[in-house]
N, C-alpha and C. Protein backbone atom coordinates (compact mmCIF):
# COMPACT_ATOMS: atom_id res chain seq x y z
N GLN A 1 133.84 103.00 56.71
CA GLN A 1 132.42 103.67 56.79
C GLN A 1 131.58 102.66 57.45
N VAL A 2 130.85 103.32 58.43
CA VAL A 2 129.88 102.49 59.27
C VAL A 2 128.62 102.34 58.54
N GLN A 3 128.12 101.12 58.54
CA GLN A 3 126.80 100.78 57.98
C GLN A 3 126.08 99.97 59.19
N LEU A 4 124.77 100.37 59.26
CA LEU A 4 123.96 99.78 60.24
C LEU A 4 122.72 99.14 59.42
N VAL A 5 122.42 97.99 59.68
CA VAL A 5 121.16 97.44 58.96
C VAL A 5 120.23 96.76 60.06
N GLU A 6 119.11 97.28 60.07
CA GLU A 6 118.05 96.79 60.98
C GLU A 6 117.21 95.63 60.33
N SER A 7 116.72 94.84 61.19
CA SER A 7 115.70 93.73 60.73
C SER A 7 114.80 93.33 61.82
N GLY A 8 113.90 92.57 61.45
CA GLY A 8 112.95 92.01 62.54
C GLY A 8 111.61 92.66 62.80
N GLY A 9 111.42 93.69 62.02
CA GLY A 9 110.11 94.39 62.10
C GLY A 9 108.98 93.65 61.52
N GLY A 10 107.83 93.98 61.65
CA GLY A 10 106.59 93.32 61.12
C GLY A 10 105.42 93.73 61.73
N TRP A 11 104.32 92.95 61.46
CA TRP A 11 102.95 93.26 62.08
C TRP A 11 102.83 92.31 63.33
N VAL A 12 102.18 92.80 64.39
CA VAL A 12 101.95 91.93 65.43
C VAL A 12 100.66 92.53 66.23
N GLN A 13 99.93 91.71 66.76
CA GLN A 13 98.78 92.20 67.46
C GLN A 13 99.28 92.74 68.83
N PRO A 14 98.33 93.60 69.36
CA PRO A 14 98.57 94.17 70.78
C PRO A 14 98.86 93.02 71.84
N GLY A 15 99.80 93.32 72.61
CA GLY A 15 100.36 92.31 73.56
C GLY A 15 101.35 91.30 73.05
N GLY A 16 101.67 91.45 71.73
CA GLY A 16 102.59 90.59 71.06
C GLY A 16 104.00 91.14 71.31
N SER A 17 104.92 90.22 70.65
CA SER A 17 106.45 90.54 70.72
C SER A 17 107.17 90.56 69.49
N LEU A 18 108.19 91.37 69.36
CA LEU A 18 109.12 91.15 68.18
C LEU A 18 110.50 91.46 68.70
N ARG A 19 111.44 90.80 67.98
CA ARG A 19 112.68 90.98 68.28
C ARG A 19 113.52 91.66 67.19
N LEU A 20 113.94 92.90 67.36
CA LEU A 20 114.67 93.61 66.25
C LEU A 20 116.25 93.54 66.43
N SER A 21 116.90 93.54 65.17
CA SER A 21 118.27 93.26 65.20
C SER A 21 118.82 94.46 64.53
N CYS A 22 120.10 94.85 64.84
CA CYS A 22 120.82 95.88 64.16
C CYS A 22 122.26 95.16 63.92
N ALA A 23 122.61 95.05 62.73
CA ALA A 23 123.92 94.45 62.43
C ALA A 23 124.86 95.59 61.87
N ALA A 24 126.10 95.60 62.22
CA ALA A 24 127.04 96.74 61.88
C ALA A 24 128.18 96.15 61.20
N SER A 25 128.62 97.06 60.28
CA SER A 25 129.98 96.79 59.56
C SER A 25 130.68 98.13 59.63
N GLY A 26 131.96 97.90 59.81
CA GLY A 26 132.83 99.12 59.95
C GLY A 26 132.95 99.68 61.41
N LEU A 27 132.31 98.91 62.32
CA LEU A 27 132.30 99.35 63.76
C LEU A 27 132.10 98.11 64.52
N ILE A 28 132.67 97.96 65.65
CA ILE A 28 132.48 96.81 66.57
C ILE A 28 131.74 97.47 67.81
N PHE A 29 130.63 96.96 68.07
CA PHE A 29 129.73 97.56 69.02
C PHE A 29 130.45 97.62 70.39
N ARG A 30 130.99 96.57 70.81
CA ARG A 30 131.55 96.27 72.11
C ARG A 30 132.61 97.23 72.37
N THR A 31 133.57 97.33 71.35
CA THR A 31 134.81 98.31 71.56
C THR A 31 134.34 99.73 71.38
N TYR A 32 133.42 100.06 70.49
CA TYR A 32 133.05 101.44 70.37
C TYR A 32 132.23 101.94 71.56
N GLY A 33 131.52 101.09 72.30
CA GLY A 33 130.74 101.56 73.37
C GLY A 33 129.25 101.31 73.23
N GLY A 34 128.87 100.52 72.29
CA GLY A 34 127.44 100.11 72.36
C GLY A 34 126.77 100.85 71.21
N GLY A 35 125.42 101.00 71.28
CA GLY A 35 124.57 101.62 70.27
C GLY A 35 123.25 101.99 70.81
N HIS A 36 122.30 102.50 70.05
CA HIS A 36 121.07 103.04 70.48
C HIS A 36 119.97 102.75 69.45
N TRP A 37 118.83 102.67 70.03
CA TRP A 37 117.62 102.53 69.13
C TRP A 37 116.73 103.70 69.42
N PHE A 38 116.16 104.15 68.31
CA PHE A 38 115.21 105.29 68.20
C PHE A 38 114.12 104.87 67.46
N ARG A 39 112.98 105.54 67.51
CA ARG A 39 111.89 105.34 66.60
C ARG A 39 111.18 106.58 66.17
N ALA A 40 110.43 106.48 65.15
CA ALA A 40 109.85 107.70 64.56
C ALA A 40 108.51 107.21 63.83
N THR A 41 107.51 108.06 64.00
CA THR A 41 106.23 107.90 63.25
C THR A 41 106.06 109.17 62.39
N PRO A 42 105.35 109.10 61.33
CA PRO A 42 105.10 110.28 60.46
C PRO A 42 104.53 111.46 61.31
N GLY A 43 105.06 112.61 61.23
CA GLY A 43 104.55 113.79 61.94
C GLY A 43 105.08 113.95 63.21
N LYS A 44 105.94 112.86 63.74
CA LYS A 44 106.51 113.13 65.08
C LYS A 44 108.01 113.12 64.95
N GLN A 45 108.57 113.62 65.97
CA GLN A 45 110.09 113.59 66.01
C GLN A 45 110.56 112.33 66.34
N ARG A 46 111.74 112.02 65.83
CA ARG A 46 112.32 110.78 66.27
C ARG A 46 112.64 110.87 67.82
N GLU A 47 112.27 109.59 68.37
CA GLU A 47 112.49 109.58 69.84
C GLU A 47 113.29 108.49 70.34
N PHE A 48 114.11 108.75 71.43
CA PHE A 48 114.92 107.72 72.02
C PHE A 48 114.08 106.63 72.62
N VAL A 49 114.70 105.33 72.37
CA VAL A 49 114.03 104.14 72.85
C VAL A 49 114.91 103.49 73.87
N ALA A 50 116.18 103.05 73.51
CA ALA A 50 117.07 102.45 74.43
C ALA A 50 118.47 102.66 73.98
N THR A 51 119.42 102.36 74.94
CA THR A 51 120.90 102.43 74.68
C THR A 51 121.46 101.20 75.43
N ILE A 52 122.49 100.61 74.73
CA ILE A 52 123.12 99.54 75.18
C ILE A 52 124.58 99.98 75.23
N PHE A 53 125.29 100.07 76.33
CA PHE A 53 126.63 100.52 76.46
C PHE A 53 127.61 99.29 76.32
N GLY A 54 128.85 99.65 76.15
CA GLY A 54 129.93 98.70 75.82
C GLY A 54 129.97 97.60 76.83
N ASP A 55 129.78 97.96 78.14
CA ASP A 55 129.83 96.99 79.30
C ASP A 55 128.52 96.20 79.53
N GLY A 56 127.60 96.47 78.57
CA GLY A 56 126.40 95.56 78.62
C GLY A 56 125.24 96.36 79.49
N SER A 57 125.60 97.41 80.08
CA SER A 57 124.42 98.08 80.83
C SER A 57 123.64 98.77 79.79
N ALA A 58 122.33 99.13 80.31
CA ALA A 58 121.34 99.64 79.38
C ALA A 58 120.56 100.81 80.04
N SER A 59 119.98 101.54 79.22
CA SER A 59 119.13 102.66 79.59
C SER A 59 117.94 102.68 78.67
N TYR A 60 116.66 102.92 79.11
CA TYR A 60 115.47 102.95 78.44
C TYR A 60 114.62 104.30 78.66
N ALA A 61 113.87 104.49 77.52
CA ALA A 61 112.94 105.49 77.72
C ALA A 61 111.73 105.06 78.64
N ASP A 62 111.10 105.98 79.33
CA ASP A 62 110.16 105.60 80.33
C ASP A 62 109.04 104.87 79.67
N SER A 63 108.69 105.22 78.42
CA SER A 63 107.57 104.53 77.75
C SER A 63 107.80 103.11 77.46
N VAL A 64 109.03 102.64 77.46
CA VAL A 64 109.18 101.19 77.09
C VAL A 64 109.90 100.45 78.29
N GLU A 65 110.33 101.15 79.34
CA GLU A 65 110.97 100.45 80.54
C GLU A 65 110.05 99.27 81.01
N GLY A 66 110.68 98.18 81.16
CA GLY A 66 109.79 97.04 81.72
C GLY A 66 109.24 96.32 80.65
N ARG A 67 109.13 96.63 79.28
CA ARG A 67 108.59 96.03 78.26
C ARG A 67 109.69 95.64 77.16
N PHE A 68 110.63 96.47 77.03
CA PHE A 68 111.63 96.34 76.03
C PHE A 68 112.95 95.93 76.74
N THR A 69 113.75 95.13 76.09
CA THR A 69 115.10 94.77 76.48
C THR A 69 116.06 94.82 75.39
N VAL A 70 117.18 95.69 75.63
CA VAL A 70 118.25 95.77 74.70
C VAL A 70 119.46 95.01 75.11
N SER A 71 120.05 94.20 74.16
CA SER A 71 121.26 93.46 74.53
C SER A 71 122.15 93.56 73.25
N MET A 72 123.36 92.89 73.49
CA MET A 72 124.40 92.92 72.55
C MET A 72 124.97 91.45 72.25
N ASP A 73 124.96 91.11 70.96
CA ASP A 73 125.50 89.77 70.57
C ASP A 73 127.00 90.00 70.00
N ASN A 74 127.96 89.93 70.91
CA ASN A 74 129.31 90.24 70.45
C ASN A 74 129.73 89.40 69.37
N ALA A 75 129.29 88.07 69.43
CA ALA A 75 129.71 87.12 68.32
C ALA A 75 129.34 87.58 66.92
N LYS A 76 128.22 88.19 66.94
CA LYS A 76 127.60 88.66 65.56
C LYS A 76 127.66 90.08 65.42
N ASN A 77 128.16 90.81 66.38
CA ASN A 77 128.40 92.21 66.28
C ASN A 77 127.10 92.86 65.92
N THR A 78 126.08 92.46 66.81
CA THR A 78 124.67 92.94 66.63
C THR A 78 124.21 93.26 67.93
N ILE A 79 123.30 94.40 67.77
CA ILE A 79 122.53 94.80 68.98
C ILE A 79 121.08 94.37 68.82
N LEU A 80 120.46 93.96 69.76
CA LEU A 80 119.05 93.46 69.67
C LEU A 80 118.12 94.29 70.50
N LEU A 81 116.91 94.30 70.08
CA LEU A 81 115.84 94.91 70.99
C LEU A 81 114.62 94.10 71.00
N GLN A 82 114.51 93.37 72.16
CA GLN A 82 113.33 92.54 72.53
C GLN A 82 112.26 93.42 72.82
N THR A 83 111.07 93.46 72.13
CA THR A 83 109.96 94.25 72.43
C THR A 83 108.72 93.43 72.87
N ASP A 84 108.32 93.49 73.91
CA ASP A 84 107.20 92.70 74.52
C ASP A 84 105.98 93.62 74.89
N ASN A 85 104.92 92.89 75.04
CA ASN A 85 103.71 93.50 75.40
C ASN A 85 103.56 94.91 74.68
N LEU A 86 103.51 94.67 73.35
CA LEU A 86 103.54 95.81 72.43
C LEU A 86 102.05 96.41 72.37
N THR A 87 101.96 97.63 72.24
CA THR A 87 100.68 98.40 72.06
C THR A 87 100.74 99.23 70.75
N SER A 88 99.61 99.82 70.33
CA SER A 88 99.52 100.52 69.13
C SER A 88 100.40 101.82 69.22
N GLU A 89 100.70 102.29 70.35
CA GLU A 89 101.62 103.38 70.58
C GLU A 89 102.96 103.09 70.18
N ASP A 90 103.42 101.78 70.09
CA ASP A 90 104.73 101.35 69.80
C ASP A 90 104.85 101.29 68.11
N THR A 91 103.84 101.53 67.44
CA THR A 91 103.93 101.44 65.93
C THR A 91 104.81 102.59 65.46
N ALA A 92 105.91 102.15 64.76
CA ALA A 92 106.79 103.18 64.25
C ALA A 92 107.98 102.41 63.56
N PHE A 93 108.71 103.34 62.77
CA PHE A 93 109.97 102.92 62.33
C PHE A 93 110.90 102.84 63.39
N TYR A 94 111.70 101.90 63.54
CA TYR A 94 112.86 101.67 64.46
C TYR A 94 114.10 101.79 63.88
N TYR A 95 114.96 102.67 64.39
CA TYR A 95 116.27 102.86 63.79
C TYR A 95 117.42 102.56 64.89
N CYS A 96 118.39 102.07 64.27
CA CYS A 96 119.71 101.88 65.07
C CYS A 96 120.66 103.06 64.73
N HIS A 97 121.33 103.42 65.83
CA HIS A 97 122.28 104.52 65.69
C HIS A 97 123.55 104.23 66.47
N ALA A 98 124.69 104.57 65.87
CA ALA A 98 125.96 104.48 66.41
C ALA A 98 126.88 105.20 65.70
N GLN A 99 128.01 105.85 66.32
CA GLN A 99 129.02 106.59 65.64
C GLN A 99 128.58 107.37 64.51
N ASN A 100 127.59 108.30 64.74
CA ASN A 100 127.02 109.22 63.70
C ASN A 100 126.49 108.64 62.49
N ALA A 101 126.20 107.20 62.67
CA ALA A 101 125.67 106.41 61.54
C ALA A 101 124.16 106.17 61.97
N TRP A 102 123.24 106.01 61.02
CA TRP A 102 121.90 105.61 61.17
C TRP A 102 121.55 104.54 60.05
N GLY A 103 120.84 103.49 60.68
CA GLY A 103 120.45 102.50 59.60
C GLY A 103 119.07 103.02 58.95
N LYS A 104 118.56 102.29 57.97
CA LYS A 104 117.30 102.78 57.23
C LYS A 104 116.03 102.51 57.95
N GLY A 105 116.18 101.70 59.06
CA GLY A 105 114.94 101.49 59.84
C GLY A 105 114.18 100.22 59.51
N THR A 106 113.49 99.77 60.48
CA THR A 106 112.60 98.53 60.22
C THR A 106 111.11 98.94 60.79
N LEU A 107 110.20 98.62 60.22
CA LEU A 107 108.81 98.97 60.58
C LEU A 107 108.10 98.14 61.52
N VAL A 108 107.66 98.54 62.61
CA VAL A 108 106.94 97.73 63.53
C VAL A 108 105.42 98.34 63.61
N THR A 109 104.49 97.34 63.29
CA THR A 109 103.05 97.69 63.23
C THR A 109 102.30 96.89 64.19
N VAL A 110 101.69 97.58 65.09
CA VAL A 110 100.88 96.81 66.24
C VAL A 110 99.39 97.22 66.04
N SER A 111 98.66 96.21 65.61
CA SER A 111 97.27 96.47 65.43
C SER A 111 96.58 95.13 65.53
N SER A 112 95.26 95.27 65.76
CA SER A 112 94.40 94.03 65.90
C SER A 112 93.68 93.98 64.40
């Protein structure tokens, strides 16, 4: 059974940074082919943020391109999301997704 656990969320001022982590059990990100980050706010549909593929290549939503960086720590079987230059529009629960499994999310709040 695949379990995904996100961490690293918190409160940050506009322009700040956070690094989110997604740890997996029951799945090896590198051999499975990577994983994805999504985010959601109340009243809005969950939206795609970024994907890291098994070969280390990545894909981003237009809204985060150039500000967010997704990577994979193979030693820890973890995918990371470095979020920089955050704005209030980035406030959301951030979820990790792989192999039909979802984590419970980690909350990012950007405000002054």
